[in-house]
Amino acid sequence: MQKLTLKYPLKLSDKLEITELKFRDYATAQDLLAFDERGANKQTITLIANLTGNDEAVISKLHVADFRAADAICSKMLAEDATEKNVPES
């Protein structure tokens, strides 16, 4: 499981702050449905939300630096999964 520590944590309330995103170990075909969304940023928000288990509303509040870092992790995951380097065991 890959983890991204946010440079700019999201404070959602007085008691709730998101300081990191945890990504699943692999992407699924369902995650690729994010690319059916309109617009590159909407696709990326949907994909990050899918891979981290967070709501799109939360991901859309990320600072651009953290958003780009999360996007880089997603891109790397998809590239590795496409070459079957990260296949889950059945």
PDB file of N, CA and C in Angstrom:
ATOM      1  N   MET A   1       0.842  -1.175   0.000  1.00  0.00           N
ATOM      2  CA  MET A   1       0.000   0.000   0.000  1.00  0.00           C
ATOM      3  C   MET A   1       0.888   1.238   0.000  1.00  0.00           C
ATOM      4  N   GLN A   2       0.631   2.105  -0.949  1.00  0.00           N
ATOM      5  CA  GLN A   2       1.406   3.337  -1.037  1.00  0.00           C
ATOM      6  C   GLN A   2       0.677   4.447  -0.292  1.00  0.00           C
ATOM      7  N   LYS A   3       1.449   5.317   0.342  1.00  0.00           N
ATOM      8  CA  LYS A   3       0.881   6.395   1.138  1.00  0.00           C
ATOM      9  C   LYS A   3       1.458   7.722   0.666  1.00  0.00           C
ATOM     10  N   LEU A   4       0.604   8.740   0.583  1.00  0.00           N
ATOM     11  CA  LEU A   4       1.028  10.096   0.253  1.00  0.00           C
ATOM     12  C   LEU A   4       0.735  10.989   1.452  1.00  0.00           C
ATOM     13  N   THR A   5       1.779  11.519   2.071  1.00  0.00           N
ATOM     14  CA  THR A   5       1.602  12.484   3.149  1.00  0.00           C
ATOM     15  C   THR A   5       1.355  13.845   2.507  1.00  0.00           C
ATOM     16  N   LEU A   6       0.249  14.456   2.859  1.00  0.00           N
ATOM     17  CA  LEU A   6      -0.129  15.728   2.254  1.00  0.00           C
ATOM     18  C   LEU A   6       0.739  16.868   2.773  1.00  0.00           C
ATOM     19  N   LYS A   7       1.234  17.673   1.866  1.00  0.00           N
ATOM     20  CA  LYS A   7       1.980  18.876   2.255  1.00  0.00           C
ATOM     21  C   LYS A   7       1.032  19.903   2.852  1.00  0.00           C
ATOM     22  N   TYR A   8      -0.209  19.855   2.403  1.00  0.00           N
ATOM     23  CA  TYR A   8      -1.238  20.794   2.849  1.00  0.00           C
ATOM     24  C   TYR A   8      -2.445  19.984   3.332  1.00  0.00           C
ATOM     25  N   PRO A   9      -2.444  19.531   4.598  1.00  0.00           N
ATOM     26  CA  PRO A   9      -3.549  18.716   5.115  1.00  0.00           C
ATOM     27  C   PRO A   9      -4.902  19.411   4.947  1.00  0.00           C
ATOM     28  N   LEU A  10      -5.928  18.594   4.774  1.00  0.00           N
ATOM     29  CA  LEU A  10      -7.289  19.105   4.628  1.00  0.00           C
ATOM     30  C   LEU A  10      -7.976  19.109   5.981  1.00  0.00           C
ATOM     31  N   LYS A  11      -8.360  20.262   6.451  1.00  0.00           N
ATOM     32  CA  LYS A  11      -9.103  20.355   7.704  1.00  0.00           C
ATOM     33  C   LYS A  11     -10.582  20.433   7.346  1.00  0.00           C
ATOM     34  N   LEU A  12     -11.294  19.330   7.566  1.00  0.00           N
ATOM     35  CA  LEU A  12     -12.698  19.256   7.186  1.00  0.00           C
ATOM     36  C   LEU A  12     -13.619  19.769   8.282  1.00  0.00           C
ATOM     37  N   SER A  13     -13.151  19.702   9.521  1.00  0.00           N
ATOM     38  CA  SER A  13     -13.897  20.231  10.663  1.00  0.00           C
ATOM     39  C   SER A  13     -12.913  20.397  11.813  1.00  0.00           C
ATOM     40  N   ASP A  14     -13.407  20.850  12.958  1.00  0.00           N
ATOM     41  CA  ASP A  14     -12.528  21.012  14.120  1.00  0.00           C
ATOM     42  C   ASP A  14     -11.912  19.691  14.564  1.00  0.00           C
ATOM     43  N   LYS A  15     -12.618  18.596  14.297  1.00  0.00           N
ATOM     44  CA  LYS A  15     -12.162  17.289  14.769  1.00  0.00           C
ATOM     45  C   LYS A  15     -11.671  16.366  13.664  1.00  0.00           C
ATOM     46  N   LEU A  16     -11.781  16.789  12.424  1.00  0.00           N
ATOM     47  CA  LEU A  16     -11.408  15.904  11.315  1.00  0.00           C
ATOM     48  C   LEU A  16     -10.436  16.595  10.373  1.00  0.00           C
ATOM     49  N   GLU A  17      -9.250  16.007  10.275  1.00  0.00           N
ATOM     50  CA  GLU A  17      -8.225  16.516   9.369  1.00  0.00           C
ATOM     51  C   GLU A  17      -7.618  15.337   8.621  1.00  0.00           C
ATOM     52  N   ILE A  18      -7.486  15.475   7.323  1.00  0.00           N
ATOM     53  CA  ILE A  18      -6.861  14.433   6.508  1.00  0.00           C
ATOM     54  C   ILE A  18      -5.423  14.853   6.257  1.00  0.00           C
ATOM     55  N   THR A  19      -4.488  14.018   6.707  1.00  0.00           N
ATOM     56  CA  THR A  19      -3.064  14.336   6.577  1.00  0.00           C
ATOM     57  C   THR A  19      -2.359  13.446   5.566  1.00  0.00           C
ATOM     58  N   GLU A  20      -3.038  12.375   5.128  1.00  0.00           N
ATOM     59  CA  GLU A  20      -2.423  11.463   4.168  1.00  0.00           C
ATOM     60  C   GLU A  20      -3.495  10.755   3.362  1.00  0.00           C
ATOM     61  N   LEU A  21      -3.089  10.274   2.197  1.00  0.00           N
ATOM     62  CA  LEU A  21      -3.937   9.436   1.361  1.00  0.00           C
ATOM     63  C   LEU A  21      -3.279   8.073   1.267  1.00  0.00           C
ATOM     64  N   LYS A  22      -4.058   7.024   1.449  1.00  0.00           N
ATOM     65  CA  LYS A  22      -3.551   5.656   1.319  1.00  0.00           C
ATOM     66  C   LYS A  22      -4.165   5.048   0.066  1.00  0.00           C
ATOM     67  N   PHE A  23      -3.302   4.579  -0.814  1.00  0.00           N
ATOM     68  CA  PHE A  23      -3.730   3.994  -2.076  1.00  0.00           C
ATOM     69  C   PHE A  23      -3.790   2.472  -1.960  1.00  0.00           C
ATOM     70  N   ARG A  24      -4.775   1.864  -2.641  1.00  0.00           N
ATOM     71  CA  ARG A  24      -4.816   0.405  -2.717  1.00  0.00           C
ATOM     72  C   ARG A  24      -3.564  -0.077  -3.431  1.00  0.00           C
ATOM     73  N   ASP A  25      -3.310  -1.362  -3.349  1.00  0.00           N
ATOM     74  CA  ASP A  25      -2.114  -1.928  -3.967  1.00  0.00           C
ATOM     75  C   ASP A  25      -2.217  -2.050  -5.481  1.00  0.00           C
ATOM     76  N   TYR A  26      -3.427  -2.029  -6.018  1.00  0.00           N
ATOM     77  CA  TYR A  26      -3.598  -2.198  -7.460  1.00  0.00           C
ATOM     78  C   TYR A  26      -4.901  -1.538  -7.904  1.00  0.00           C
ATOM     79  N   ALA A  27      -4.987  -1.256  -9.179  1.00  0.00           N
ATOM     80  CA  ALA A  27      -6.205  -0.694  -9.767  1.00  0.00           C
ATOM     81  C   ALA A  27      -7.044  -1.826 -10.352  1.00  0.00           C
ATOM     82  N   THR A  28      -8.337  -1.584 -10.465  1.00  0.00           N
ATOM     83  CA  THR A  28      -9.243  -2.563 -11.060  1.00  0.00           C
ATOM     84  C   THR A  28      -9.850  -1.982 -12.338  1.00  0.00           C
ATOM     85  N   ALA A  29     -10.512  -2.825 -13.102  1.00  0.00           N
ATOM     86  CA  ALA A  29     -11.184  -2.358 -14.315  1.00  0.00           C
ATOM     87  C   ALA A  29     -12.217  -1.289 -13.970  1.00  0.00           C
ATOM     88  N   GLN A  30     -12.885  -1.441 -12.841  1.00  0.00           N
ATOM     89  CA  GLN A  30     -13.874  -0.446 -12.426  1.00  0.00           C
ATOM     90  C   GLN A  30     -13.229   0.925 -12.226  1.00  0.00           C
ATOM     91  N   ASP A  31     -12.004   0.956 -11.735  1.00  0.00           N
ATOM     92  CA  ASP A  31     -11.307   2.231 -11.557  1.00  0.00           C
ATOM     93  C   ASP A  31     -11.096   2.948 -12.885  1.00  0.00           C
ATOM     94  N   LEU A  32     -10.958   2.183 -13.952  1.00  0.00           N
ATOM     95  CA  LEU A  32     -10.745   2.781 -15.269  1.00  0.00           C
ATOM     96  C   LEU A  32     -11.977   3.520 -15.783  1.00  0.00           C
ATOM     97  N   LEU A  33     -13.135   3.279 -15.159  1.00  0.00           N
ATOM     98  CA  LEU A  33     -14.338   4.020 -15.536  1.00  0.00           C
ATOM     99  C   LEU A  33     -14.180   5.511 -15.260  1.00  0.00           C
ATOM    100  N   ALA A  34     -13.220   5.872 -14.446  1.00  0.00           N
ATOM    101  CA  ALA A  34     -12.938   7.290 -14.199  1.00  0.00           C
ATOM    102  C   ALA A  34     -12.650   8.013 -15.509  1.00  0.00           C
ATOM    103  N   PHE A  35     -12.094   7.304 -16.472  1.00  0.00           N
ATOM    104  CA  PHE A  35     -11.740   7.923 -17.747  1.00  0.00           C
ATOM    105  C   PHE A  35     -12.952   8.177 -18.639  1.00  0.00           C
ATOM    106  N   ASP A  36     -14.131   7.689 -18.218  1.00  0.00           N
ATOM    107  CA  ASP A  36     -15.367   7.987 -18.934  1.00  0.00           C
ATOM    108  C   ASP A  36     -15.936   9.343 -18.527  1.00  0.00           C
ATOM    109  N   GLU A  37     -15.392   9.928 -17.475  1.00  0.00           N
ATOM    110  CA  GLU A  37     -15.816  11.262 -17.030  1.00  0.00           C
ATOM    111  C   GLU A  37     -15.354  12.304 -18.042  1.00  0.00           C
ATOM    112  N   ARG A  38     -15.992  13.458 -18.040  1.00  0.00           N
ATOM    113  CA  ARG A  38     -15.600  14.551 -18.945  1.00  0.00           C
ATOM    114  C   ARG A  38     -14.550  15.415 -18.273  1.00  0.00           C
ATOM    115  N   GLY A  39     -13.497  15.692 -18.991  1.00  0.00           N
ATOM    116  CA  GLY A  39     -12.449  16.580 -18.497  1.00  0.00           C
ATOM    117  C   GLY A  39     -11.351  15.828 -17.768  1.00  0.00           C
ATOM    118  N   ALA A  40     -10.126  16.177 -18.067  1.00  0.00           N
ATOM    119  CA  ALA A  40      -8.967  15.476 -17.502  1.00  0.00           C
ATOM    120  C   ALA A  40      -8.902  15.593 -15.987  1.00  0.00           C
ATOM    121  N   ASN A  41      -9.187  16.762 -15.434  1.00  0.00           N
ATOM    122  CA  ASN A  41      -9.115  16.914 -13.981  1.00  0.00           C
ATOM    123  C   ASN A  41     -10.222  16.144 -13.278  1.00  0.00           C
ATOM    124  N   LYS A  42     -11.423  16.122 -13.861  1.00  0.00           N
ATOM    125  CA  LYS A  42     -12.527  15.341 -13.292  1.00  0.00           C
ATOM    126  C   LYS A  42     -12.166  13.859 -13.302  1.00  0.00           C
ATOM    127  N   GLN A  43     -11.554  13.396 -14.379  1.00  0.00           N
ATOM    128  CA  GLN A  43     -11.116  12.004 -14.459  1.00  0.00           C
ATOM    129  C   GLN A  43     -10.115  11.696 -13.354  1.00  0.00           C
ATOM    130  N   THR A  44      -9.173  12.592 -13.160  1.00  0.00           N
ATOM    131  CA  THR A  44      -8.131  12.381 -12.158  1.00  0.00           C
ATOM    132  C   THR A  44      -8.715  12.399 -10.757  1.00  0.00           C
ATOM    133  N   ILE A  45      -9.621  13.319 -10.478  1.00  0.00           N
ATOM    134  CA  ILE A  45     -10.275  13.370  -9.161  1.00  0.00           C
ATOM    135  C   ILE A  45     -11.008  12.064  -8.898  1.00  0.00           C
ATOM    136  N   THR A  46     -11.748  11.577  -9.891  1.00  0.00           N
ATOM    137  CA  THR A  46     -12.491  10.324  -9.741  1.00  0.00           C
ATOM    138  C   THR A  46     -11.545   9.154  -9.511  1.00  0.00           C
ATOM    139  N   LEU A  47     -10.470   9.086 -10.269  1.00  0.00           N
ATOM    140  CA  LEU A  47      -9.513   7.991 -10.124  1.00  0.00           C
ATOM    141  C   LEU A  47      -8.844   8.017  -8.749  1.00  0.00           C
ATOM    142  N   ILE A  48      -8.392   9.173  -8.300  1.00  0.00           N
ATOM    143  CA  ILE A  48      -7.766   9.277  -6.976  1.00  0.00           C
ATOM    144  C   ILE A  48      -8.769   8.871  -5.899  1.00  0.00           C
ATOM    145  N   ALA A  49     -10.002   9.333  -6.025  1.00  0.00           N
ATOM    146  CA  ALA A  49     -11.039   8.965  -5.056  1.00  0.00           C
ATOM    147  C   ALA A  49     -11.235   7.451  -5.031  1.00  0.00           C
ATOM    148  N   ASN A  50     -11.310   6.836  -6.202  1.00  0.00           N
ATOM    149  CA  ASN A  50     -11.487   5.383  -6.278  1.00  0.00           C
ATOM    150  C   ASN A  50     -10.333   4.636  -5.625  1.00  0.00           C
ATOM    151  N   LEU A  51      -9.120   5.052  -5.919  1.00  0.00           N
ATOM    152  CA  LEU A  51      -7.945   4.314  -5.447  1.00  0.00           C
ATOM    153  C   LEU A  51      -7.627   4.556  -3.973  1.00  0.00           C
ATOM    154  N   THR A  52      -8.166   5.630  -3.408  1.00  0.00           N
ATOM    155  CA  THR A  52      -7.893   5.921  -1.992  1.00  0.00           C
ATOM    156  C   THR A  52      -9.094   5.674  -1.093  1.00  0.00           C
ATOM    157  N   GLY A  53     -10.264   5.442  -1.677  1.00  0.00           N
ATOM    158  CA  GLY A  53     -11.460   5.219  -0.874  1.00  0.00           C
ATOM    159  C   GLY A  53     -12.032   6.494  -0.274  1.00  0.00           C
ATOM    160  N   ASN A  54     -11.666   7.634  -0.826  1.00  0.00           N
ATOM    161  CA  ASN A  54     -12.193   8.917  -0.363  1.00  0.00           C
ATOM    162  C   ASN A  54     -13.264   9.414  -1.324  1.00  0.00           C
ATOM    163  N   ASP A  55     -14.114  10.294  -0.838  1.00  0.00           N
ATOM    164  CA  ASP A  55     -15.128  10.909  -1.693  1.00  0.00           C
ATOM    165  C   ASP A  55     -14.475  11.890  -2.660  1.00  0.00           C
ATOM    166  N   GLU A  56     -15.073  12.029  -3.826  1.00  0.00           N
ATOM    167  CA  GLU A  56     -14.578  12.999  -4.800  1.00  0.00           C
ATOM    168  C   GLU A  56     -14.599  14.413  -4.226  1.00  0.00           C
ATOM    169  N   ALA A  57     -15.581  14.711  -3.377  1.00  0.00           N
ATOM    170  CA  ALA A  57     -15.674  16.046  -2.772  1.00  0.00           C
ATOM    171  C   ALA A  57     -14.442  16.353  -1.929  1.00  0.00           C
ATOM    172  N   VAL A  58     -13.904  15.337  -1.260  1.00  0.00           N
ATOM    173  CA  VAL A  58     -12.690  15.520  -0.454  1.00  0.00           C
ATOM    174  C   VAL A  58     -11.487  15.712  -1.369  1.00  0.00           C
ATOM    175  N   ILE A  59     -11.353  14.859  -2.370  1.00  0.00           N
ATOM    176  CA  ILE A  59     -10.206  14.936  -3.281  1.00  0.00           C
ATOM    177  C   ILE A  59     -10.188  16.272  -4.015  1.00  0.00           C
ATOM    178  N   SER A  60     -11.355  16.795  -4.343  1.00  0.00           N
ATOM    179  CA  SER A  60     -11.408  18.063  -5.073  1.00  0.00           C
ATOM    180  C   SER A  60     -10.916  19.243  -4.237  1.00  0.00           C
ATOM    181  N   LYS A  61     -10.769  19.054  -2.935  1.00  0.00           N
ATOM    182  CA  LYS A  61     -10.280  20.121  -2.054  1.00  0.00           C
ATOM    183  C   LYS A  61      -8.769  20.075  -1.845  1.00  0.00           C
ATOM    184  N   LEU A  62      -8.098  19.088  -2.439  1.00  0.00           N
ATOM    185  CA  LEU A  62      -6.645  18.989  -2.282  1.00  0.00           C
ATOM    186  C   LEU A  62      -5.950  20.217  -2.858  1.00  0.00           C
ATOM    187  N   HIS A  63      -4.881  20.615  -2.213  1.00  0.00           N
ATOM    188  CA  HIS A  63      -4.000  21.653  -2.768  1.00  0.00           C
ATOM    189  C   HIS A  63      -3.444  21.106  -4.086  1.00  0.00           C
ATOM    190  N   VAL A  64      -3.198  21.968  -5.040  1.00  0.00           N
ATOM    191  CA  VAL A  64      -2.723  21.524  -6.354  1.00  0.00           C
ATOM    192  C   VAL A  64      -1.441  20.695  -6.240  1.00  0.00           C
ATOM    193  N   ALA A  65      -0.534  21.056  -5.340  1.00  0.00           N
ATOM    194  CA  ALA A  65       0.714  20.288  -5.175  1.00  0.00           C
ATOM    195  C   ALA A  65       0.411  18.857  -4.741  1.00  0.00           C
ATOM    196  N   ASP A  66      -0.509  18.679  -3.795  1.00  0.00           N
ATOM    197  CA  ASP A  66      -0.883  17.339  -3.342  1.00  0.00           C
ATOM    198  C   ASP A  66      -1.672  16.597  -4.417  1.00  0.00           C
ATOM    199  N   PHE A  67      -2.519  17.324  -5.148  1.00  0.00           N
ATOM    200  CA  PHE A  67      -3.291  16.733  -6.245  1.00  0.00           C
ATOM    201  C   PHE A  67      -2.353  16.169  -7.308  1.00  0.00           C
ATOM    202  N   ARG A  68      -1.338  16.923  -7.672  1.00  0.00           N
ATOM    203  CA  ARG A  68      -0.376  16.466  -8.682  1.00  0.00           C
ATOM    204  C   ARG A  68       0.437  15.276  -8.172  1.00  0.00           C
ATOM    205  N   ALA A  69       0.794  15.282  -6.894  1.00  0.00           N
ATOM    206  CA  ALA A  69       1.536  14.154  -6.318  1.00  0.00           C
ATOM    207  C   ALA A  69       0.669  12.894  -6.322  1.00  0.00           C
ATOM    208  N   ALA A  70      -0.604  13.035  -5.982  1.00  0.00           N
ATOM    209  CA  ALA A  70      -1.523  11.895  -6.004  1.00  0.00           C
ATOM    210  C   ALA A  70      -1.723  11.399  -7.435  1.00  0.00           C
ATOM    211  N   ASP A  71      -1.819  12.316  -8.379  1.00  0.00           N
ATOM    212  CA  ASP A  71      -1.948  11.959  -9.793  1.00  0.00           C
ATOM    213  C   ASP A  71      -0.732  11.158 -10.258  1.00  0.00           C
ATOM    214  N   ALA A  72       0.452  11.552  -9.819  1.00  0.00           N
ATOM    215  CA  ALA A  72       1.679  10.829 -10.196  1.00  0.00           C
ATOM    216  C   ALA A  72       1.651   9.400  -9.669  1.00  0.00           C
ATOM    217  N   ILE A  73       1.155   9.219  -8.441  1.00  0.00           N
ATOM    218  CA  ILE A  73       1.049   7.868  -7.875  1.00  0.00           C
ATOM    219  C   ILE A  73       0.067   7.042  -8.695  1.00  0.00           C
ATOM    220  N   CYS A  74      -1.073   7.623  -9.045  1.00  0.00           N
ATOM    221  CA  CYS A  74      -2.069   6.909  -9.858  1.00  0.00           C
ATOM    222  C   CYS A  74      -1.493   6.509 -11.213  1.00  0.00           C
ATOM    223  N   SER A  75      -0.813   7.432 -11.852  1.00  0.00           N
ATOM    224  CA  SER A  75      -0.223   7.148 -13.167  1.00  0.00           C
ATOM    225  C   SER A  75       0.779   6.010 -13.086  1.00  0.00           C
ATOM    226  N   LYS A  76       1.595   6.023 -12.050  1.00  0.00           N
ATOM    227  CA  LYS A  76       2.585   4.959 -11.864  1.00  0.00           C
ATOM    228  C   LYS A  76       1.889   3.622 -11.615  1.00  0.00           C
ATOM    229  N   MET A  77       0.834   3.637 -10.778  1.00  0.00           N
ATOM    230  CA  MET A  77       0.096   2.399 -10.506  1.00  0.00           C
ATOM    231  C   MET A  77      -0.485   1.816 -11.784  1.00  0.00           C
ATOM    232  N   LEU A  78      -1.118   2.657 -12.601  1.00  0.00           N
ATOM    233  CA  LEU A  78      -1.734   2.170 -13.833  1.00  0.00           C
ATOM    234  C   LEU A  78      -0.690   1.640 -14.804  1.00  0.00           C
ATOM    235  N   ALA A  79       0.446   2.300 -14.886  1.00  0.00           N
ATOM    236  CA  ALA A  79       1.519   1.837 -15.772  1.00  0.00           C
ATOM    237  C   ALA A  79       2.052   0.486 -15.310  1.00  0.00           C
ATOM    238  N   GLU A  80       2.245   0.339 -14.002  1.00  0.00           N
ATOM    239  CA  GLU A  80       2.747  -0.933 -13.469  1.00  0.00           C
ATOM    240  C   GLU A  80       1.719  -2.035 -13.639  1.00  0.00           C
ATOM    241  N   ASP A  81       0.444  -1.722 -13.371  1.00  0.00           N
ATOM    242  CA  ASP A  81      -0.599  -2.729 -13.522  1.00  0.00           C
ATOM    243  C   ASP A  81      -0.753  -3.149 -14.979  1.00  0.00           C
ATOM    244  N   ALA A  82      -0.548  -2.226 -15.901  1.00  0.00           N
ATOM    245  CA  ALA A  82      -0.660  -2.539 -17.327  1.00  0.00           C
ATOM    246  C   ALA A  82       0.432  -3.505 -17.773  1.00  0.00           C
ATOM    247  N   THR A  83       1.562  -3.477 -17.090  1.00  0.00           N
ATOM    248  CA  THR A  83       2.650  -4.395 -17.426  1.00  0.00           C
ATOM    249  C   THR A  83       2.672  -5.594 -16.483  1.00  0.00           C
ATOM    250  N   GLU A  84       1.630  -5.729 -15.677  1.00  0.00           N
ATOM    251  CA  GLU A  84       1.433  -6.861 -14.770  1.00  0.00           C
ATOM    252  C   GLU A  84       2.541  -7.031 -13.745  1.00  0.00           C
ATOM    253  N   LYS A  85       3.155  -5.949 -13.321  1.00  0.00           N
ATOM    254  CA  LYS A  85       4.168  -6.040 -12.273  1.00  0.00           C
ATOM    255  C   LYS A  85       3.538  -6.084 -10.892  1.00  0.00           C
ATOM    256  N   ASN A  86       2.262  -5.750 -10.805  1.00  0.00           N
ATOM    257  CA  ASN A  86       1.621  -5.590  -9.512  1.00  0.00           C
ATOM    258  C   ASN A  86       0.303  -6.362  -9.469  1.00  0.00           C
ATOM    259  N   VAL A  87       0.298  -7.603  -9.937  1.00  0.00           N
ATOM    260  CA  VAL A  87      -0.916  -8.398 -10.020  1.00  0.00           C
ATOM    261  C   VAL A  87      -1.243  -8.994  -8.654  1.00  0.00           C
ATOM    262  N   PRO A  88      -2.491  -8.800  -8.171  1.00  0.00           N
ATOM    263  CA  PRO A  88      -2.868  -9.374  -6.877  1.00  0.00           C
ATOM    264  C   PRO A  88      -2.981 -10.885  -6.970  1.00  0.00           C
ATOM    265  N   GLU A  89      -2.752 -11.538  -5.853  1.00  0.00           N
ATOM    266  CA  GLU A  89      -2.894 -12.995  -5.810  1.00  0.00           C
ATOM    267  C   GLU A  89      -4.366 -13.344  -5.701  1.00  0.00           C
ATOM    268  N   SER A  90      -4.777 -14.430  -6.363  1.00  0.00           N
ATOM    269  CA  SER A  90      -6.185 -14.850  -6.335  1.00  0.00           C
ATOM    270  C   SER A  90      -6.494 -15.617  -5.090  1.00  0.00           C
TER     271      SER A  90
END
